[in-house]
Protein backbone atom coordinates (compact mmCIF):
# COMPACT_ATOMS: atom_id res chain seq x y z
CA UNK A 1 12.42 -26.30 -6.16
CA UNK A 2 8.69 -24.92 -7.47
CA UNK A 3 7.01 -22.20 -5.69
CA UNK A 4 3.84 -24.39 -5.59
CA UNK A 5 4.80 -25.95 -2.45
CA UNK A 6 4.04 -22.31 -1.14
CA UNK A 7 0.58 -22.18 -2.06
CA UNK A 8 -1.64 -23.56 0.42
CA UNK A 9 1.07 -21.38 3.35
CA UNK A 10 0.13 -18.42 1.73
CA UNK A 11 -3.67 -18.49 1.41
CA UNK A 12 -3.02 -19.87 5.48
CA UNK A 13 -0.74 -16.79 6.45
CA UNK A 14 -3.41 -14.15 4.29
CA UNK A 15 -6.54 -16.27 6.15
CA UNK A 16 -4.35 -15.30 9.96
CA UNK A 17 -4.29 -11.83 8.94
CA UNK A 18 -8.00 -11.21 7.74
CA UNK A 19 -8.96 -12.44 10.99
CA UNK A 20 -7.43 -8.90 12.70
CA UNK A 21 -10.17 -6.90 10.00
CA UNK A 22 -10.68 -4.82 7.16
CA UNK A 23 -7.90 -1.99 6.53
CA UNK A 24 -9.40 -1.14 3.42
CA UNK A 25 -13.12 -0.48 5.56
CA UNK A 26 -11.64 -0.04 9.23
CA UNK A 27 -7.94 1.60 8.17
CA UNK A 28 -4.94 0.76 10.33
CA UNK A 29 -6.83 2.15 13.26
CA UNK A 30 -8.39 -0.98 13.11
CA UNK A 31 -5.12 -2.37 14.39
CA UNK A 32 -4.38 -0.14 17.39
CA UNK A 33 -5.35 -2.43 19.69
CA UNK A 34 -3.55 -5.48 18.33
CA UNK A 35 -0.08 -6.74 19.87
CA UNK A 36 2.39 -6.21 17.10
CA UNK A 37 4.17 -9.03 18.15
CA UNK A 38 1.17 -11.22 16.87
CA UNK A 39 1.44 -9.87 13.58
CA UNK A 40 5.48 -9.87 13.25
CA UNK A 41 4.75 -13.53 13.85
CA UNK A 42 2.51 -14.24 11.20
CA UNK A 43 4.88 -11.89 8.77
CA UNK A 44 8.06 -13.64 9.57
CA UNK A 45 6.41 -17.13 8.17
CA UNK A 46 5.98 -14.82 4.83
CA UNK A 47 10.01 -13.87 5.16
CA UNK A 48 10.73 -17.84 4.92
CA UNK A 49 8.96 -17.72 2.04
CA UNK A 50 10.41 -14.69 0.31
CA UNK A 51 14.25 -15.79 1.58
CA UNK A 52 13.55 -19.69 -0.06
CA UNK A 53 17.19 -19.01 -1.79
CA UNK A 54 16.10 -22.00 -3.97
CA UNK A 55 13.47 -20.51 -5.86
CA UNK A 56 14.07 -18.38 -8.53
CA UNK A 57 12.79 -15.37 -10.53
CA UNK A 58 10.73 -17.14 -13.38
CA UNK A 59 9.29 -19.68 -10.48
CA UNK A 60 8.17 -16.62 -8.37
CA UNK A 61 6.41 -15.35 -11.56
CA UNK A 62 3.96 -18.03 -11.14
CA UNK A 63 2.67 -16.95 -7.48
CA UNK A 64 3.38 -13.16 -8.19
CA UNK A 65 1.21 -13.31 -11.39
CA UNK A 66 -1.86 -15.59 -10.68
CA UNK A 67 -5.08 -14.29 -10.26
CA UNK A 68 -5.41 -16.56 -7.81
CA UNK A 69 -3.11 -15.59 -5.09
CA UNK A 70 -3.57 -11.83 -5.97
CA UNK A 71 -5.86 -11.23 -3.23
CA UNK A 72 -4.17 -13.26 -0.49
CA UNK A 73 -1.11 -11.27 -2.04
CA UNK A 74 -2.89 -8.05 -1.76
CA UNK A 75 -3.86 -8.50 2.14
CA UNK A 76 -0.30 -9.48 2.95
CA UNK A 77 1.36 -6.58 1.48
CA UNK A 78 -1.09 -4.21 3.20
CA UNK A 79 0.13 -5.21 6.68
CA UNK A 80 3.86 -5.77 6.10
CA UNK A 81 3.52 -1.47 5.21
CA UNK A 82 1.24 -1.16 7.84
CA UNK A 83 3.72 -2.87 10.08
CA UNK A 84 6.84 -1.32 8.92
CA UNK A 85 5.24 1.88 9.74
CA UNK A 86 4.01 0.62 12.65
CA UNK A 87 7.74 0.22 13.81
CA UNK A 88 9.41 3.37 12.81
CA UNK A 89 6.57 5.20 14.52
CA UNK A 90 7.19 3.49 17.39
CA UNK A 91 10.69 3.67 17.77
CA UNK A 92 10.94 7.49 16.62
CA UNK A 93 8.56 7.71 20.34
CA UNK A 94 10.59 5.78 21.45
CA UNK A 95 13.74 7.93 20.47
CA UNK A 96 11.68 11.36 22.30
CA UNK A 97 11.56 10.17 25.20
CA UNK A 98 14.88 7.81 25.51
CA UNK A 99 18.04 9.13 27.78
CA UNK A 100 20.07 7.29 25.54
CA UNK A 101 18.61 8.43 21.95
CA UNK A 102 21.22 6.65 19.87
CA UNK A 103 21.11 3.60 21.75
CA UNK A 104 16.98 3.53 21.26
CA UNK A 105 17.51 3.83 17.63
CA UNK A 106 20.50 1.37 16.99
CA UNK A 107 17.09 -1.53 18.68
CA UNK A 108 15.41 -0.62 15.67
CA UNK A 109 13.93 -4.16 14.54
CA UNK A 110 15.22 -4.07 10.91
CA UNK A 111 18.36 -2.23 11.77
CA UNK A 112 20.66 -4.76 11.06
CA UNK A 113 19.02 -5.08 7.40
CA UNK A 114 19.78 -1.31 7.01
CA UNK A 115 23.58 -1.80 7.17
CA UNK A 116 23.19 -4.43 4.59
CA UNK A 117 20.98 -2.07 2.39
CA UNK A 118 23.07 0.91 2.63
CA UNK A 119 26.40 -1.11 2.13
CA UNK A 120 24.93 -2.27 -1.46
CA UNK A 121 23.44 1.41 -2.40
CA UNK A 122 26.94 2.60 -1.51
CA UNK A 123 28.46 0.42 -4.44
CA UNK A 124 25.90 2.62 -6.60
CA UNK A 125 26.71 6.46 -6.37
CA UNK A 126 29.93 7.97 -5.00
CA UNK A 127 28.33 9.03 -1.49
CA UNK A 128 31.25 11.77 0.27
CA UNK A 129 31.01 14.71 2.39
CA UNK A 130 30.56 17.11 -0.80
CA UNK A 131 27.57 15.44 -2.20
CA UNK A 132 23.99 16.15 -1.04
CA UNK A 133 21.96 13.31 -0.77
CA UNK A 134 18.17 13.39 -1.07
CA UNK A 135 15.98 11.00 -0.39
CA UNK A 136 12.20 10.47 -1.73
CA UNK A 137 9.65 8.90 1.16
CA UNK A 138 11.90 9.69 3.95
CA UNK A 139 9.14 8.41 6.39
CA UNK A 140 9.11 9.06 10.57
CA UNK A 141 12.32 7.34 11.34
CA UNK A 142 14.99 8.98 8.16
CA UNK A 143 16.95 6.03 8.93
CA UNK A 144 18.55 6.09 5.53
CA UNK A 145 19.77 9.72 5.69
CA UNK A 146 20.94 9.24 9.16
CA UNK A 147 23.21 5.98 7.75
CA UNK A 148 24.57 7.44 4.56
CA UNK A 149 25.30 11.01 7.09
CA UNK A 150 26.97 8.86 9.92
CA UNK A 151 28.82 6.68 7.27
CA UNK A 152 29.51 8.57 4.24
CA UNK A 153 29.37 12.00 5.38
CA UNK A 154 27.26 13.53 2.69
CA UNK A 155 24.39 16.40 3.09
CA UNK A 156 21.11 15.03 3.41
CA UNK A 157 17.45 15.47 2.67
CA UNK A 158 14.32 14.04 3.04
CA UNK A 159 11.23 14.23 1.67
CA UNK A 160 8.07 13.11 3.09
CA UNK A 161 4.24 14.04 1.75
CA UNK A 162 2.59 13.84 5.35
CA UNK A 163 3.11 17.03 7.87
CA UNK A 164 2.57 15.28 10.87
CA UNK A 165 5.38 12.61 9.40
CA UNK A 166 7.78 14.80 8.59
CA UNK A 167 7.76 16.80 11.67
CA UNK A 168 8.06 13.89 13.79
CA UNK A 169 11.33 12.48 11.96
CA UNK A 170 12.79 16.48 12.58
CA UNK A 171 11.78 15.60 15.99
CA UNK A 172 14.07 12.87 15.85
CA UNK A 173 16.75 14.59 14.21
CA UNK A 174 16.61 16.86 16.59
CA UNK A 175 17.19 14.54 19.51
CA UNK A 176 19.65 12.25 17.57
CA UNK A 177 21.79 15.93 16.81
CA UNK A 178 21.41 15.51 13.25
CA UNK A 179 19.24 18.27 13.02
CA UNK A 180 22.10 20.24 11.42
CA UNK A 181 23.35 17.50 8.60
CA UNK A 182 19.87 16.29 7.90
CA UNK A 183 16.93 18.79 6.62
CA UNK A 184 13.07 17.37 5.87
CA UNK A 185 10.84 18.62 3.80
CA UNK A 186 7.11 18.37 3.21
CA UNK A 187 5.84 17.42 -0.20
CA UNK A 188 6.13 15.05 -3.22
CA UNK A 189 8.68 14.30 -6.12
CA UNK A 190 7.81 17.67 -6.96
CA UNK A 191 9.79 19.55 -4.53
CA UNK A 192 13.01 18.61 -6.04
CA UNK A 193 12.58 20.90 -9.06
CA UNK A 194 13.89 23.32 -6.16
CA UNK A 195 16.76 21.53 -4.56
CA UNK A 196 20.20 21.05 -5.84
CA UNK A 197 21.72 17.53 -5.15
CA UNK A 198 23.69 14.96 -6.13
CA UNK A 199 22.49 11.87 -5.41
CA UNK A 200 18.71 11.05 -6.02
CA UNK A 201 16.71 7.55 -4.54
CA UNK A 202 13.35 6.84 -4.50
CA UNK A 203 11.61 4.59 -0.70
CA UNK A 204 10.47 1.57 -1.65
CA UNK A 205 7.21 2.66 -0.60
CA UNK A 206 7.04 5.78 -2.70
CA UNK A 207 3.81 5.88 -4.56
CA UNK A 208 2.05 5.75 -7.26
CA UNK A 209 5.40 4.62 -8.98
CA UNK A 210 4.61 5.80 -12.34
CA UNK A 211 3.39 8.70 -11.54
CA UNK A 212 6.99 9.38 -9.23
CA UNK A 213 9.25 8.44 -11.93
CA UNK A 214 6.97 10.79 -14.54
CA UNK A 215 7.53 13.64 -12.63
CA UNK A 216 11.30 12.56 -11.44
CA UNK A 217 11.86 12.52 -15.27
CA UNK A 218 10.47 16.44 -15.92
CA UNK A 219 13.67 17.49 -13.46
CA UNK A 220 16.63 15.64 -13.20
CA UNK A 221 19.36 15.83 -15.59
CA UNK A 222 20.37 13.02 -17.58
CA UNK A 223 24.23 12.61 -15.29
CA UNK A 224 22.36 12.18 -11.76
CA UNK A 225 22.46 8.77 -10.35
CA UNK A 226 18.79 8.04 -10.05
CA UNK A 227 18.37 4.36 -7.00
CA UNK A 228 15.54 2.87 -6.62
CA UNK A 229 14.73 0.17 -3.91
CA UNK A 230 12.20 -2.03 -5.40
CA UNK A 231 11.49 -6.32 -4.29
CA UNK A 232 12.57 -9.03 -7.01
CA UNK A 233 11.82 -12.85 -6.92
CA UNK A 234 9.95 -14.03 -4.03
CA UNK A 235 10.83 -10.84 -1.95
CA UNK A 236 8.03 -9.50 -3.88
CA UNK A 237 5.69 -10.93 -1.71
CA UNK A 238 6.30 -8.39 0.65
CA UNK A 239 5.49 -5.75 -1.57
CA UNK A 240 4.72 -4.89 -5.48
CA UNK A 241 7.47 -4.68 -7.26
CA UNK A 242 8.74 -1.03 -9.60
CA UNK A 243 7.50 -2.51 -13.22
CA UNK A 244 9.38 -1.64 -16.42
CA UNK A 245 6.79 0.58 -17.62
CA UNK A 246 6.93 2.80 -14.44
CA UNK A 247 11.01 3.96 -15.32
CA UNK A 248 10.33 4.68 -19.01
CA UNK A 249 12.76 7.13 -20.47
CA UNK A 250 14.87 6.07 -18.03
CA UNK A 251 18.39 3.63 -18.74
CA UNK A 252 19.08 0.93 -16.56
CA UNK A 253 22.83 0.38 -15.47
CA UNK A 254 23.46 -1.62 -12.63
CA UNK A 255 20.93 -3.56 -9.87
CA UNK A 256 22.05 -4.90 -6.68
CA UNK A 257 20.02 -7.83 -5.15
CA UNK A 258 19.70 -8.36 -1.72
CA UNK A 259 21.80 -10.45 0.57
CA UNK A 260 21.08 -12.27 3.78
CA UNK A 261 17.38 -11.12 5.37
CA UNK A 262 17.02 -7.58 3.73
CA UNK A 263 14.73 -7.12 1.30
CA UNK A 264 14.62 -4.77 -0.92
CA UNK A 265 17.07 -4.90 -4.74
CA UNK A 266 18.26 -1.26 -5.37
CA UNK A 267 18.17 -0.67 -8.82
CA UNK A 268 20.59 2.28 -10.18
CA UNK A 269 19.25 4.37 -13.11
CA UNK A 270 19.59 7.33 -15.77
CA UNK A 271 17.63 10.00 -17.62
CA UNK A 272 17.11 9.24 -21.29
CA UNK A 273 17.56 12.05 -23.23
């Protein structure tokens, strides 16, 4: 099926989002007083397009590579990132105040999607109680680390660049009683130089991609599995995908495509020596 049927819809969605203000000019604070459900409702329209199974990868590229659509896609992606960060932060803060923090965690908007994502990624490396798993870009609600620890028993380390975000996630882990099993470090990809680990994963929103993978290449060995999350096909309207040039020096071994409402494609690569 042709992807061109969505061009007008994508431009319409971008126009709706632009009415909330210029995030480049005013930053995320411009949306602090906006009802988050309003924006989620608009972005749900984007997800309908992103999850259209009848549009293949080649057809999707007509939208993703088109200069006319570039402005609309950039705006949609900014709002997508904003909503994800805001939902994580709000759930994290609710956990700190909750009488039942585990139940509050389970109520997270994207919780069910993470179940499918973790299941996919468990096929890419041997996660178990004898392994140490490092996740680069763990965010305010370290759900990836929590799930891998709970389901597979591995020791988990999250790396987060922003100190206030890292501090919030530490408080969340303490409230959930997981602070002995999961550690959060403030830093970037260079922090792995001082860590011992068996599996490394890069979050979909870790940026800038080319620098991140180049620095990882300097520290990782050729045997250690490196998994990264990206967006493929029409799901790439939600966020810019990892490009081949970003992962120069690595060999792609396996790629697991998303199922259901999960958005991330997970890719296993290893260093080429």
